[in-house]
mmCIF file of all heavy atoms, coordinates in Angstrom:
data_MODEL
# 
_entry.id   MODEL 
# 
loop_
_atom_site.group_PDB 
_atom_site.id 
_atom_site.type_symbol 
_atom_site.label_atom_id 
_atom_site.label_alt_id 
_atom_site.label_comp_id 
_atom_site.label_asym_id 
_atom_site.label_entity_id 
_atom_site.label_seq_id 
_atom_site.pdbx_PDB_ins_code 
_atom_site.Cartn_x 
_atom_site.Cartn_y 
_atom_site.Cartn_z 
_atom_site.occupancy 
_atom_site.B_iso_or_equiv 
_atom_site.pdbx_formal_charge 
_atom_site.auth_seq_id 
_atom_site.auth_comp_id 
_atom_site.auth_asym_id 
_atom_site.auth_atom_id 
_atom_site.pdbx_PDB_model_num 
ATOM 1   N N   . ASN A 1 1  ? -3.083  -16.309 17.918  1.00 0.00 ? 1  ASN A N   1 
ATOM 2   C CA  . ASN A 1 1  ? -2.904  -16.026 16.485  1.00 0.00 ? 1  ASN A CA  1 
ATOM 3   C C   . ASN A 1 1  ? -4.143  -15.456 15.811  1.00 0.00 ? 1  ASN A C   1 
ATOM 4   O O   . ASN A 1 1  ? -4.218  -15.498 14.598  1.00 0.00 ? 1  ASN A O   1 
ATOM 5   C CB  . ASN A 1 1  ? -2.508  -17.320 15.742  1.00 0.00 ? 1  ASN A CB  1 
ATOM 6   C CG  . ASN A 1 1  ? -1.120  -17.798 16.108  1.00 0.00 ? 1  ASN A CG  1 
ATOM 7   O OD1 . ASN A 1 1  ? -0.231  -16.979 16.343  1.00 0.00 ? 1  ASN A OD1 1 
ATOM 8   N ND2 . ASN A 1 1  ? -0.948  -19.102 16.160  1.00 0.00 ? 1  ASN A ND2 1 
ATOM 9   N N   . ASP A 1 2  ? -5.047  -14.915 16.503  1.00 0.00 ? 2  ASP A N   1 
ATOM 10  C CA  . ASP A 1 2  ? -6.320  -14.406 15.976  1.00 0.00 ? 2  ASP A CA  1 
ATOM 11  C C   . ASP A 1 2  ? -6.122  -13.721 14.610  1.00 0.00 ? 2  ASP A C   1 
ATOM 12  O O   . ASP A 1 2  ? -5.942  -12.511 14.505  1.00 0.00 ? 2  ASP A O   1 
ATOM 13  C CB  . ASP A 1 2  ? -6.919  -13.412 16.982  1.00 0.00 ? 2  ASP A CB  1 
ATOM 14  C CG  . ASP A 1 2  ? -8.348  -13.038 16.646  1.00 0.00 ? 2  ASP A CG  1 
ATOM 15  O OD1 . ASP A 1 2  ? -8.748  -13.183 15.476  1.00 0.00 ? 2  ASP A OD1 1 
ATOM 16  O OD2 . ASP A 1 2  ? -9.063  -12.574 17.551  1.00 0.00 ? 2  ASP A OD2 1 
ATOM 17  N N   . TYR A 1 3  ? -6.198  -14.517 13.545  1.00 0.00 ? 3  TYR A N   1 
ATOM 18  C CA  . TYR A 1 3  ? -5.843  -14.027 12.216  1.00 0.00 ? 3  TYR A CA  1 
ATOM 19  C C   . TYR A 1 3  ? -6.779  -12.920 11.739  1.00 0.00 ? 3  TYR A C   1 
ATOM 20  O O   . TYR A 1 3  ? -6.343  -11.954 11.108  1.00 0.00 ? 3  TYR A O   1 
ATOM 21  C CB  . TYR A 1 3  ? -5.841  -15.182 11.208  1.00 0.00 ? 3  TYR A CB  1 
ATOM 22  C CG  . TYR A 1 3  ? -4.867  -16.273 11.562  1.00 0.00 ? 3  TYR A CG  1 
ATOM 23  C CD1 . TYR A 1 3  ? -5.322  -17.502 12.033  1.00 0.00 ? 3  TYR A CD1 1 
ATOM 24  C CD2 . TYR A 1 3  ? -3.495  -16.064 11.456  1.00 0.00 ? 3  TYR A CD2 1 
ATOM 25  C CE1 . TYR A 1 3  ? -4.432  -18.505 12.386  1.00 0.00 ? 3  TYR A CE1 1 
ATOM 26  C CE2 . TYR A 1 3  ? -2.595  -17.065 11.800  1.00 0.00 ? 3  TYR A CE2 1 
ATOM 27  C CZ  . TYR A 1 3  ? -3.074  -18.277 12.267  1.00 0.00 ? 3  TYR A CZ  1 
ATOM 28  O OH  . TYR A 1 3  ? -2.183  -19.262 12.625  1.00 0.00 ? 3  TYR A OH  1 
ATOM 29  N N   . GLU A 1 4  ? -8.069  -13.046 12.043  1.00 0.00 ? 4  GLU A N   1 
ATOM 30  C CA  . GLU A 1 4  ? -9.019  -12.029 11.599  1.00 0.00 ? 4  GLU A CA  1 
ATOM 31  C C   . GLU A 1 4  ? -8.707  -10.678 12.229  1.00 0.00 ? 4  GLU A C   1 
ATOM 32  O O   . GLU A 1 4  ? -8.896  -9.620  11.620  1.00 0.00 ? 4  GLU A O   1 
ATOM 33  C CB  . GLU A 1 4  ? -10.446 -12.457 11.962  1.00 0.00 ? 4  GLU A CB  1 
ATOM 34  C CG  . GLU A 1 4  ? -10.943 -13.673 11.192  1.00 0.00 ? 4  GLU A CG  1 
ATOM 35  C CD  . GLU A 1 4  ? -10.964 -13.415 9.697   1.00 0.00 ? 4  GLU A CD  1 
ATOM 36  O OE1 . GLU A 1 4  ? -11.332 -12.291 9.285   1.00 0.00 ? 4  GLU A OE1 1 
ATOM 37  O OE2 . GLU A 1 4  ? -10.588 -14.330 8.937   1.00 0.00 ? 4  GLU A OE2 1 
ATOM 38  N N   . LYS A 1 5  ? -8.180  -10.720 13.445  1.00 0.00 ? 5  LYS A N   1 
ATOM 39  C CA  . LYS A 1 5  ? -7.895  -9.484  14.173  1.00 0.00 ? 5  LYS A CA  1 
ATOM 40  C C   . LYS A 1 5  ? -6.512  -8.931  13.833  1.00 0.00 ? 5  LYS A C   1 
ATOM 41  O O   . LYS A 1 5  ? -6.346  -7.713  13.671  1.00 0.00 ? 5  LYS A O   1 
ATOM 42  C CB  . LYS A 1 5  ? -8.007  -9.747  15.671  1.00 0.00 ? 5  LYS A CB  1 
ATOM 43  C CG  . LYS A 1 5  ? -7.773  -8.530  16.554  1.00 0.00 ? 5  LYS A CG  1 
ATOM 44  C CD  . LYS A 1 5  ? -7.982  -8.901  18.021  1.00 0.00 ? 5  LYS A CD  1 
ATOM 45  C CE  . LYS A 1 5  ? -7.770  -7.707  18.941  1.00 0.00 ? 5  LYS A CE  1 
ATOM 46  N NZ  . LYS A 1 5  ? -7.975  -8.072  20.361  1.00 0.00 ? 5  LYS A NZ  1 
ATOM 47  N N   . TYR A 1 6  ? -5.528  -9.803  13.729  1.00 0.00 ? 6  TYR A N   1 
ATOM 48  C CA  . TYR A 1 6  ? -4.138  -9.336  13.651  1.00 0.00 ? 6  TYR A CA  1 
ATOM 49  C C   . TYR A 1 6  ? -3.599  -9.207  12.229  1.00 0.00 ? 6  TYR A C   1 
ATOM 50  O O   . TYR A 1 6  ? -2.611  -8.518  12.004  1.00 0.00 ? 6  TYR A O   1 
ATOM 51  C CB  . TYR A 1 6  ? -3.228  -10.262 14.457  1.00 0.00 ? 6  TYR A CB  1 
ATOM 52  C CG  . TYR A 1 6  ? -3.582  -10.311 15.924  1.00 0.00 ? 6  TYR A CG  1 
ATOM 53  C CD1 . TYR A 1 6  ? -3.595  -11.522 16.612  1.00 0.00 ? 6  TYR A CD1 1 
ATOM 54  C CD2 . TYR A 1 6  ? -3.923  -9.141  16.614  1.00 0.00 ? 6  TYR A CD2 1 
ATOM 55  C CE1 . TYR A 1 6  ? -3.926  -11.571 17.956  1.00 0.00 ? 6  TYR A CE1 1 
ATOM 56  C CE2 . TYR A 1 6  ? -4.262  -9.190  17.949  1.00 0.00 ? 6  TYR A CE2 1 
ATOM 57  C CZ  . TYR A 1 6  ? -4.260  -10.410 18.624  1.00 0.00 ? 6  TYR A CZ  1 
ATOM 58  O OH  . TYR A 1 6  ? -4.597  -10.457 19.952  1.00 0.00 ? 6  TYR A OH  1 
ATOM 59  N N   . VAL A 1 7  ? -4.217  -9.882  11.252  1.00 0.00 ? 7  VAL A N   1 
ATOM 60  C CA  . VAL A 1 7  ? -3.765  -9.750  9.862   1.00 0.00 ? 7  VAL A CA  1 
ATOM 61  C C   . VAL A 1 7  ? -4.608  -8.668  9.202   1.00 0.00 ? 7  VAL A C   1 
ATOM 62  O O   . VAL A 1 7  ? -5.830  -8.825  9.061   1.00 0.00 ? 7  VAL A O   1 
ATOM 63  C CB  . VAL A 1 7  ? -3.882  -11.081 9.102   1.00 0.00 ? 7  VAL A CB  1 
ATOM 64  C CG1 . VAL A 1 7  ? -3.438  -10.891 7.652   1.00 0.00 ? 7  VAL A CG1 1 
ATOM 65  C CG2 . VAL A 1 7  ? -3.037  -12.158 9.783   1.00 0.00 ? 7  VAL A CG2 1 
ATOM 66  N N   . GLN A 1 8  ? -3.980  -7.576  8.824   1.00 0.00 ? 8  GLN A N   1 
ATOM 67  C CA  . GLN A 1 8  ? -4.694  -6.438  8.252   1.00 0.00 ? 8  GLN A CA  1 
ATOM 68  C C   . GLN A 1 8  ? -4.044  -6.023  6.940   1.00 0.00 ? 8  GLN A C   1 
ATOM 69  O O   . GLN A 1 8  ? -2.837  -6.202  6.750   1.00 0.00 ? 8  GLN A O   1 
ATOM 70  C CB  . GLN A 1 8  ? -4.685  -5.256  9.238   1.00 0.00 ? 8  GLN A CB  1 
ATOM 71  C CG  . GLN A 1 8  ? -5.340  -5.590  10.576  1.00 0.00 ? 8  GLN A CG  1 
ATOM 72  C CD  . GLN A 1 8  ? -5.211  -4.464  11.580  1.00 0.00 ? 8  GLN A CD  1 
ATOM 73  O OE1 . GLN A 1 8  ? -5.043  -3.309  11.194  1.00 0.00 ? 8  GLN A OE1 1 
ATOM 74  N NE2 . GLN A 1 8  ? -5.306  -4.793  12.869  1.00 0.00 ? 8  GLN A NE2 1 
ATOM 75  N N   . VAL A 1 9  ? -4.845  -5.480  6.040   1.00 0.00 ? 9  VAL A N   1 
ATOM 76  C CA  . VAL A 1 9  ? -4.380  -5.062  4.712   1.00 0.00 ? 9  VAL A CA  1 
ATOM 77  C C   . VAL A 1 9  ? -4.386  -3.540  4.646   1.00 0.00 ? 9  VAL A C   1 
ATOM 78  O O   . VAL A 1 9  ? -5.350  -2.897  5.065   1.00 0.00 ? 9  VAL A O   1 
ATOM 79  C CB  . VAL A 1 9  ? -5.291  -5.643  3.607   1.00 0.00 ? 9  VAL A CB  1 
ATOM 80  C CG1 . VAL A 1 9  ? -4.843  -5.134  2.237   1.00 0.00 ? 9  VAL A CG1 1 
ATOM 81  C CG2 . VAL A 1 9  ? -5.270  -7.171  3.656   1.00 0.00 ? 9  VAL A CG2 1 
ATOM 82  N N   . PHE A 1 10 ? -3.299  -2.976  4.122   1.00 0.00 ? 10 PHE A N   1 
ATOM 83  C CA  . PHE A 1 10 ? -3.183  -1.524  3.977   1.00 0.00 ? 10 PHE A CA  1 
ATOM 84  C C   . PHE A 1 10 ? -2.878  -1.186  2.519   1.00 0.00 ? 10 PHE A C   1 
ATOM 85  O O   . PHE A 1 10 ? -1.971  -1.792  1.920   1.00 0.00 ? 10 PHE A O   1 
ATOM 86  C CB  . PHE A 1 10 ? -2.041  -0.982  4.851   1.00 0.00 ? 10 PHE A CB  1 
ATOM 87  C CG  . PHE A 1 10 ? -2.312  -1.031  6.319   1.00 0.00 ? 10 PHE A CG  1 
ATOM 88  C CD1 . PHE A 1 10 ? -2.145  -2.217  7.035   1.00 0.00 ? 10 PHE A CD1 1 
ATOM 89  C CD2 . PHE A 1 10 ? -2.745  0.090   7.004   1.00 0.00 ? 10 PHE A CD2 1 
ATOM 90  C CE1 . PHE A 1 10 ? -2.397  -2.281  8.393   1.00 0.00 ? 10 PHE A CE1 1 
ATOM 91  C CE2 . PHE A 1 10 ? -3.007  0.048   8.370   1.00 0.00 ? 10 PHE A CE2 1 
ATOM 92  C CZ  . PHE A 1 10 ? -2.831  -1.135  9.065   1.00 0.00 ? 10 PHE A CZ  1 
ATOM 93  N N   . GLU A 1 11 ? -3.624  -0.252  1.969   1.00 0.00 ? 11 GLU A N   1 
ATOM 94  C CA  . GLU A 1 11 ? -3.301  0.294   0.653   1.00 0.00 ? 11 GLU A CA  1 
ATOM 95  C C   . GLU A 1 11 ? -2.380  1.491   0.860   1.00 0.00 ? 11 GLU A C   1 
ATOM 96  O O   . GLU A 1 11 ? -2.749  2.462   1.524   1.00 0.00 ? 11 GLU A O   1 
ATOM 97  C CB  . GLU A 1 11 ? -4.578  0.732   -0.076  1.00 0.00 ? 11 GLU A CB  1 
ATOM 98  C CG  . GLU A 1 11 ? -5.469  -0.411  -0.494  1.00 0.00 ? 11 GLU A CG  1 
ATOM 99  C CD  . GLU A 1 11 ? -4.875  -1.245  -1.613  1.00 0.00 ? 11 GLU A CD  1 
ATOM 100 O OE1 . GLU A 1 11 ? -3.989  -0.735  -2.346  1.00 0.00 ? 11 GLU A OE1 1 
ATOM 101 O OE2 . GLU A 1 11 ? -5.280  -2.417  -1.760  1.00 0.00 ? 11 GLU A OE2 1 
ATOM 102 N N   . LEU A 1 12 ? -1.159  1.428   0.338   1.00 0.00 ? 12 LEU A N   1 
ATOM 103 C CA  . LEU A 1 12 ? -0.197  2.504   0.557   1.00 0.00 ? 12 LEU A CA  1 
ATOM 104 C C   . LEU A 1 12 ? -0.488  3.683   -0.351  1.00 0.00 ? 12 LEU A C   1 
ATOM 105 O O   . LEU A 1 12 ? -0.824  3.509   -1.534  1.00 0.00 ? 12 LEU A O   1 
ATOM 106 C CB  . LEU A 1 12 ? 1.220   1.999   0.292   1.00 0.00 ? 12 LEU A CB  1 
ATOM 107 C CG  . LEU A 1 12 ? 1.720   0.840   1.162   1.00 0.00 ? 12 LEU A CG  1 
ATOM 108 C CD1 . LEU A 1 12 ? 3.168   0.513   0.818   1.00 0.00 ? 12 LEU A CD1 1 
ATOM 109 C CD2 . LEU A 1 12 ? 1.576   1.157   2.643   1.00 0.00 ? 12 LEU A CD2 1 
ATOM 110 N N   . ASP A 1 13 ? -0.326  4.873   0.200   1.00 0.00 ? 13 ASP A N   1 
ATOM 111 C CA  . ASP A 1 13 ? -0.425  6.084   -0.616  1.00 0.00 ? 13 ASP A CA  1 
ATOM 112 C C   . ASP A 1 13 ? 0.837   6.220   -1.468  1.00 0.00 ? 13 ASP A C   1 
ATOM 113 O O   . ASP A 1 13 ? 1.929   5.809   -1.054  1.00 0.00 ? 13 ASP A O   1 
ATOM 114 C CB  . ASP A 1 13 ? -0.552  7.316   0.282   1.00 0.00 ? 13 ASP A CB  1 
ATOM 115 C CG  . ASP A 1 13 ? -1.854  7.328   1.077   1.00 0.00 ? 13 ASP A CG  1 
ATOM 116 O OD1 . ASP A 1 13 ? -2.855  6.833   0.535   1.00 0.00 ? 13 ASP A OD1 1 
ATOM 117 O OD2 . ASP A 1 13 ? -1.848  7.828   2.219   1.00 0.00 ? 13 ASP A OD2 1 
ATOM 118 N N   . PRO A 1 14 ? 0.720   6.810   -2.670  1.00 0.00 ? 14 PRO A N   1 
ATOM 119 C CA  . PRO A 1 14 ? 1.915   6.982   -3.504  1.00 0.00 ? 14 PRO A CA  1 
ATOM 120 C C   . PRO A 1 14 ? 2.891   7.960   -2.849  1.00 0.00 ? 14 PRO A C   1 
ATOM 121 O O   . PRO A 1 14 ? 2.465   8.949   -2.241  1.00 0.00 ? 14 PRO A O   1 
ATOM 122 C CB  . PRO A 1 14 ? 1.362   7.541   -4.817  1.00 0.00 ? 14 PRO A CB  1 
ATOM 123 C CG  . PRO A 1 14 ? 0.043   8.133   -4.453  1.00 0.00 ? 14 PRO A CG  1 
ATOM 124 C CD  . PRO A 1 14 ? -0.498  7.312   -3.335  1.00 0.00 ? 14 PRO A CD  1 
ATOM 125 N N   . PRO A 1 15 ? 4.198   7.713   -2.949  1.00 0.00 ? 15 PRO A N   1 
ATOM 126 C CA  . PRO A 1 15 ? 5.175   8.652   -2.401  1.00 0.00 ? 15 PRO A CA  1 
ATOM 127 C C   . PRO A 1 15 ? 5.084   10.002  -3.101  1.00 0.00 ? 15 PRO A C   1 
ATOM 128 O O   . PRO A 1 15 ? 4.516   10.132  -4.206  1.00 0.00 ? 15 PRO A O   1 
ATOM 129 C CB  . PRO A 1 15 ? 6.518   7.969   -2.685  1.00 0.00 ? 15 PRO A CB  1 
ATOM 130 C CG  . PRO A 1 15 ? 6.197   6.532   -2.868  1.00 0.00 ? 15 PRO A CG  1 
ATOM 131 C CD  . PRO A 1 15 ? 4.831   6.508   -3.499  1.00 0.00 ? 15 PRO A CD  1 
ATOM 132 N N   . GLY A 1 16 ? 5.665   11.023  -2.493  1.00 0.00 ? 16 GLY A N   1 
ATOM 133 C CA  . GLY A 1 16 ? 5.652   12.351  -3.072  1.00 0.00 ? 16 GLY A CA  1 
ATOM 134 C C   . GLY A 1 16 ? 6.241   12.365  -4.468  1.00 0.00 ? 16 GLY A C   1 
ATOM 135 O O   . GLY A 1 16 ? 7.251   11.712  -4.735  1.00 0.00 ? 16 GLY A O   1 
ATOM 136 N N   . GLY A 1 17 ? 5.606   13.109  -5.380  1.00 0.00 ? 17 GLY A N   1 
ATOM 137 C CA  . GLY A 1 17 ? 6.078   13.190  -6.756  1.00 0.00 ? 17 GLY A CA  1 
ATOM 138 C C   . GLY A 1 17 ? 5.407   12.201  -7.681  1.00 0.00 ? 17 GLY A C   1 
ATOM 139 O O   . GLY A 1 17 ? 5.658   12.212  -8.890  1.00 0.00 ? 17 GLY A O   1 
ATOM 140 N N   . PHE A 1 18 ? 4.536   11.328  -7.147  1.00 0.00 ? 18 PHE A N   1 
ATOM 141 C CA  . PHE A 1 18 ? 3.846   10.327  -7.964  1.00 0.00 ? 18 PHE A CA  1 
ATOM 142 C C   . PHE A 1 18 ? 2.342   10.470  -7.751  1.00 0.00 ? 18 PHE A C   1 
ATOM 143 O O   . PHE A 1 18 ? 1.866   10.636  -6.624  1.00 0.00 ? 18 PHE A O   1 
ATOM 144 C CB  . PHE A 1 18 ? 4.297   8.908   -7.603  1.00 0.00 ? 18 PHE A CB  1 
ATOM 145 C CG  . PHE A 1 18 ? 5.728   8.617   -7.975  1.00 0.00 ? 18 PHE A CG  1 
ATOM 146 C CD1 . PHE A 1 18 ? 6.755   8.905   -7.084  1.00 0.00 ? 18 PHE A CD1 1 
ATOM 147 C CD2 . PHE A 1 18 ? 6.038   8.084   -9.214  1.00 0.00 ? 18 PHE A CD2 1 
ATOM 148 C CE1 . PHE A 1 18 ? 8.071   8.653   -7.422  1.00 0.00 ? 18 PHE A CE1 1 
ATOM 149 C CE2 . PHE A 1 18 ? 7.353   7.825   -9.552  1.00 0.00 ? 18 PHE A CE2 1 
ATOM 150 C CZ  . PHE A 1 18 ? 8.377   8.119   -8.659  1.00 0.00 ? 18 PHE A CZ  1 
ATOM 151 N N   . SER A 1 19 ? 1.628   10.387  -8.852  1.00 0.00 ? 19 SER A N   1 
ATOM 152 C CA  . SER A 1 19 ? 0.173   10.559  -8.774  1.00 0.00 ? 19 SER A CA  1 
ATOM 153 C C   . SER A 1 19 ? -0.536  9.299   -8.307  1.00 0.00 ? 19 SER A C   1 
ATOM 154 O O   . SER A 1 19 ? -1.636  9.367   -7.751  1.00 0.00 ? 19 SER A O   1 
ATOM 155 C CB  . SER A 1 19 ? -0.381  10.989  -10.142 1.00 0.00 ? 19 SER A CB  1 
ATOM 156 O OG  . SER A 1 19 ? -0.073  9.993   -11.124 1.00 0.00 ? 19 SER A OG  1 
ATOM 157 N N   . ASP A 1 20 ? 0.065   8.149   -8.556  1.00 0.00 ? 20 ASP A N   1 
ATOM 158 C CA  . ASP A 1 20 ? -0.554  6.886   -8.131  1.00 0.00 ? 20 ASP A CA  1 
ATOM 159 C C   . ASP A 1 20 ? 0.536   5.845   -7.911  1.00 0.00 ? 20 ASP A C   1 
ATOM 160 O O   . ASP A 1 20 ? 1.679   6.005   -8.330  1.00 0.00 ? 20 ASP A O   1 
ATOM 161 C CB  . ASP A 1 20 ? -1.572  6.400   -9.164  1.00 0.00 ? 20 ASP A CB  1 
ATOM 162 C CG  . ASP A 1 20 ? -0.976  6.323   -10.564 1.00 0.00 ? 20 ASP A CG  1 
ATOM 163 O OD1 . ASP A 1 20 ? 0.101   5.696   -10.721 1.00 0.00 ? 20 ASP A OD1 1 
ATOM 164 O OD2 . ASP A 1 20 ? -1.565  6.908   -11.493 1.00 0.00 ? 20 ASP A OD2 1 
ATOM 165 N N   . MET A 1 21 ? 0.164   4.738   -7.230  1.00 0.00 ? 21 MET A N   1 
ATOM 166 C CA  . MET A 1 21 ? 1.132   3.686   -6.927  1.00 0.00 ? 21 MET A CA  1 
ATOM 167 C C   . MET A 1 21 ? 1.567   2.942   -8.186  1.00 0.00 ? 21 MET A C   1 
ATOM 168 O O   . MET A 1 21 ? 2.673   2.406   -8.232  1.00 0.00 ? 21 MET A O   1 
ATOM 169 C CB  . MET A 1 21 ? 0.548   2.707   -5.902  1.00 0.00 ? 21 MET A CB  1 
ATOM 170 C CG  . MET A 1 21 ? 0.528   3.246   -4.482  1.00 0.00 ? 21 MET A CG  1 
ATOM 171 S SD  . MET A 1 21 ? 2.179   3.703   -3.852  1.00 0.00 ? 21 MET A SD  1 
ATOM 172 C CE  . MET A 1 21 ? 2.960   2.096   -3.740  1.00 0.00 ? 21 MET A CE  1 
ATOM 173 N N   . GLU A 1 22 ? 0.706   2.895   -9.190  1.00 0.00 ? 22 GLU A N   1 
ATOM 174 C CA  . GLU A 1 22 ? 1.077   2.183   -10.417 1.00 0.00 ? 22 GLU A CA  1 
ATOM 175 C C   . GLU A 1 22 ? 2.304   2.815   -11.064 1.00 0.00 ? 22 GLU A C   1 
ATOM 176 O O   . GLU A 1 22 ? 3.246   2.110   -11.458 1.00 0.00 ? 22 GLU A O   1 
ATOM 177 C CB  . GLU A 1 22 ? -0.098  2.167   -11.392 1.00 0.00 ? 22 GLU A CB  1 
ATOM 178 C CG  . GLU A 1 22 ? 0.201   1.351   -12.662 1.00 0.00 ? 22 GLU A CG  1 
ATOM 179 C CD  . GLU A 1 22 ? -0.982  1.313   -13.616 1.00 0.00 ? 22 GLU A CD  1 
ATOM 180 O OE1 . GLU A 1 22 ? -2.023  1.929   -13.325 1.00 0.00 ? 22 GLU A OE1 1 
ATOM 181 O OE2 . GLU A 1 22 ? -0.846  0.657   -14.671 1.00 0.00 ? 22 GLU A OE2 1 
ATOM 182 N N   . SER A 1 23 ? 2.320   4.145   -11.166 1.00 0.00 ? 23 SER A N   1 
ATOM 183 C CA  . SER A 1 23 ? 3.478   4.801   -11.784 1.00 0.00 ? 23 SER A CA  1 
ATOM 184 C C   . SER A 1 23 ? 4.716   4.670   -10.895 1.00 0.00 ? 23 SER A C   1 
ATOM 185 O O   . SER A 1 23 ? 5.830   4.503   -11.394 1.00 0.00 ? 23 SER A O   1 
ATOM 186 C CB  . SER A 1 23 ? 3.169   6.275   -12.050 1.00 0.00 ? 23 SER A CB  1 
ATOM 187 O OG  . SER A 1 23 ? 2.803   6.947   -10.863 1.00 0.00 ? 23 SER A OG  1 
ATOM 188 N N   . PHE A 1 24 ? 4.512   4.752   -9.567  1.00 0.00 ? 24 PHE A N   1 
ATOM 189 C CA  . PHE A 1 24 ? 5.665   4.568   -8.677  1.00 0.00 ? 24 PHE A CA  1 
ATOM 190 C C   . PHE A 1 24 ? 6.230   3.154   -8.799  1.00 0.00 ? 24 PHE A C   1 
ATOM 191 O O   . PHE A 1 24 ? 7.439   2.953   -8.889  1.00 0.00 ? 24 PHE A O   1 
ATOM 192 C CB  . PHE A 1 24 ? 5.271   4.844   -7.222  1.00 0.00 ? 24 PHE A CB  1 
ATOM 193 C CG  . PHE A 1 24 ? 6.348   4.473   -6.249  1.00 0.00 ? 24 PHE A CG  1 
ATOM 194 C CD1 . PHE A 1 24 ? 7.494   5.249   -6.108  1.00 0.00 ? 24 PHE A CD1 1 
ATOM 195 C CD2 . PHE A 1 24 ? 6.262   3.307   -5.495  1.00 0.00 ? 24 PHE A CD2 1 
ATOM 196 C CE1 . PHE A 1 24 ? 8.506   4.887   -5.230  1.00 0.00 ? 24 PHE A CE1 1 
ATOM 197 C CE2 . PHE A 1 24 ? 7.258   2.932   -4.622  1.00 0.00 ? 24 PHE A CE2 1 
ATOM 198 C CZ  . PHE A 1 24 ? 8.392   3.727   -4.484  1.00 0.00 ? 24 PHE A CZ  1 
ATOM 199 N N   . ASN A 1 25 ? 5.344   2.164   -8.811  1.00 0.00 ? 25 ASN A N   1 
ATOM 200 C CA  . ASN A 1 25 ? 5.806   0.782   -8.902  1.00 0.00 ? 25 ASN A CA  1 
ATOM 201 C C   . ASN A 1 25 ? 6.555   0.521   -10.207 1.00 0.00 ? 25 ASN A C   1 
ATOM 202 O O   . ASN A 1 25 ? 7.511   -0.258  -10.244 1.00 0.00 ? 25 ASN A O   1 
ATOM 203 C CB  . ASN A 1 25 ? 4.623   -0.186  -8.783  1.00 0.00 ? 25 ASN A CB  1 
ATOM 204 C CG  . ASN A 1 25 ? 4.146   -0.307  -7.355  1.00 0.00 ? 25 ASN A CG  1 
ATOM 205 O OD1 . ASN A 1 25 ? 4.901   -0.077  -6.420  1.00 0.00 ? 25 ASN A OD1 1 
ATOM 206 N ND2 . ASN A 1 25 ? 2.871   -0.668  -7.180  1.00 0.00 ? 25 ASN A ND2 1 
ATOM 207 N N   . HIS A 1 26 ? 6.126   1.178   -11.277 1.00 0.00 ? 26 HIS A N   1 
ATOM 208 C CA  . HIS A 1 26 ? 6.816   1.024   -12.554 1.00 0.00 ? 26 HIS A CA  1 
ATOM 209 C C   . HIS A 1 26 ? 8.261   1.522   -12.434 1.00 0.00 ? 26 HIS A C   1 
ATOM 210 O O   . HIS A 1 26 ? 9.200   0.855   -12.889 1.00 0.00 ? 26 HIS A O   1 
ATOM 211 C CB  . HIS A 1 26 ? 6.067   1.794   -13.646 1.00 0.00 ? 26 HIS A CB  1 
ATOM 212 C CG  . HIS A 1 26 ? 6.714   1.706   -14.998 1.00 0.00 ? 26 HIS A CG  1 
ATOM 213 N ND1 . HIS A 1 26 ? 6.632   0.568   -15.791 1.00 0.00 ? 26 HIS A ND1 1 
ATOM 214 C CD2 . HIS A 1 26 ? 7.478   2.598   -15.694 1.00 0.00 ? 26 HIS A CD2 1 
ATOM 215 C CE1 . HIS A 1 26 ? 7.309   0.772   -16.913 1.00 0.00 ? 26 HIS A CE1 1 
ATOM 216 N NE2 . HIS A 1 26 ? 7.837   1.996   -16.872 1.00 0.00 ? 26 HIS A NE2 1 
ATOM 217 N N   . GLU A 1 27 ? 8.449   2.672   -11.806 1.00 0.00 ? 27 GLU A N   1 
ATOM 218 C CA  . GLU A 1 27 ? 9.805   3.209   -11.632 1.00 0.00 ? 27 GLU A CA  1 
ATOM 219 C C   . GLU A 1 27 ? 10.610  2.356   -10.654 1.00 0.00 ? 27 GLU A C   1 
ATOM 220 O O   . GLU A 1 27 ? 11.791  2.088   -10.868 1.00 0.00 ? 27 GLU A O   1 
ATOM 221 C CB  . GLU A 1 27 ? 9.740   4.654   -11.139 1.00 0.00 ? 27 GLU A CB  1 
ATOM 222 C CG  . GLU A 1 27 ? 11.111  5.295   -10.992 1.00 0.00 ? 27 GLU A CG  1 
ATOM 223 C CD  . GLU A 1 27 ? 11.051  6.792   -10.784 1.00 0.00 ? 27 GLU A CD  1 
ATOM 224 O OE1 . GLU A 1 27 ? 10.257  7.458   -11.492 1.00 0.00 ? 27 GLU A OE1 1 
ATOM 225 O OE2 . GLU A 1 27 ? 11.789  7.290   -9.914  1.00 0.00 ? 27 GLU A OE2 1 
# 
């Protein structure tokens, strides 16, 4: 279960047509 190795965080890029994730998440 090596948590430091196997648990990773990813910041998703906004989908096409959106300038940032905040506006996409609002929709």
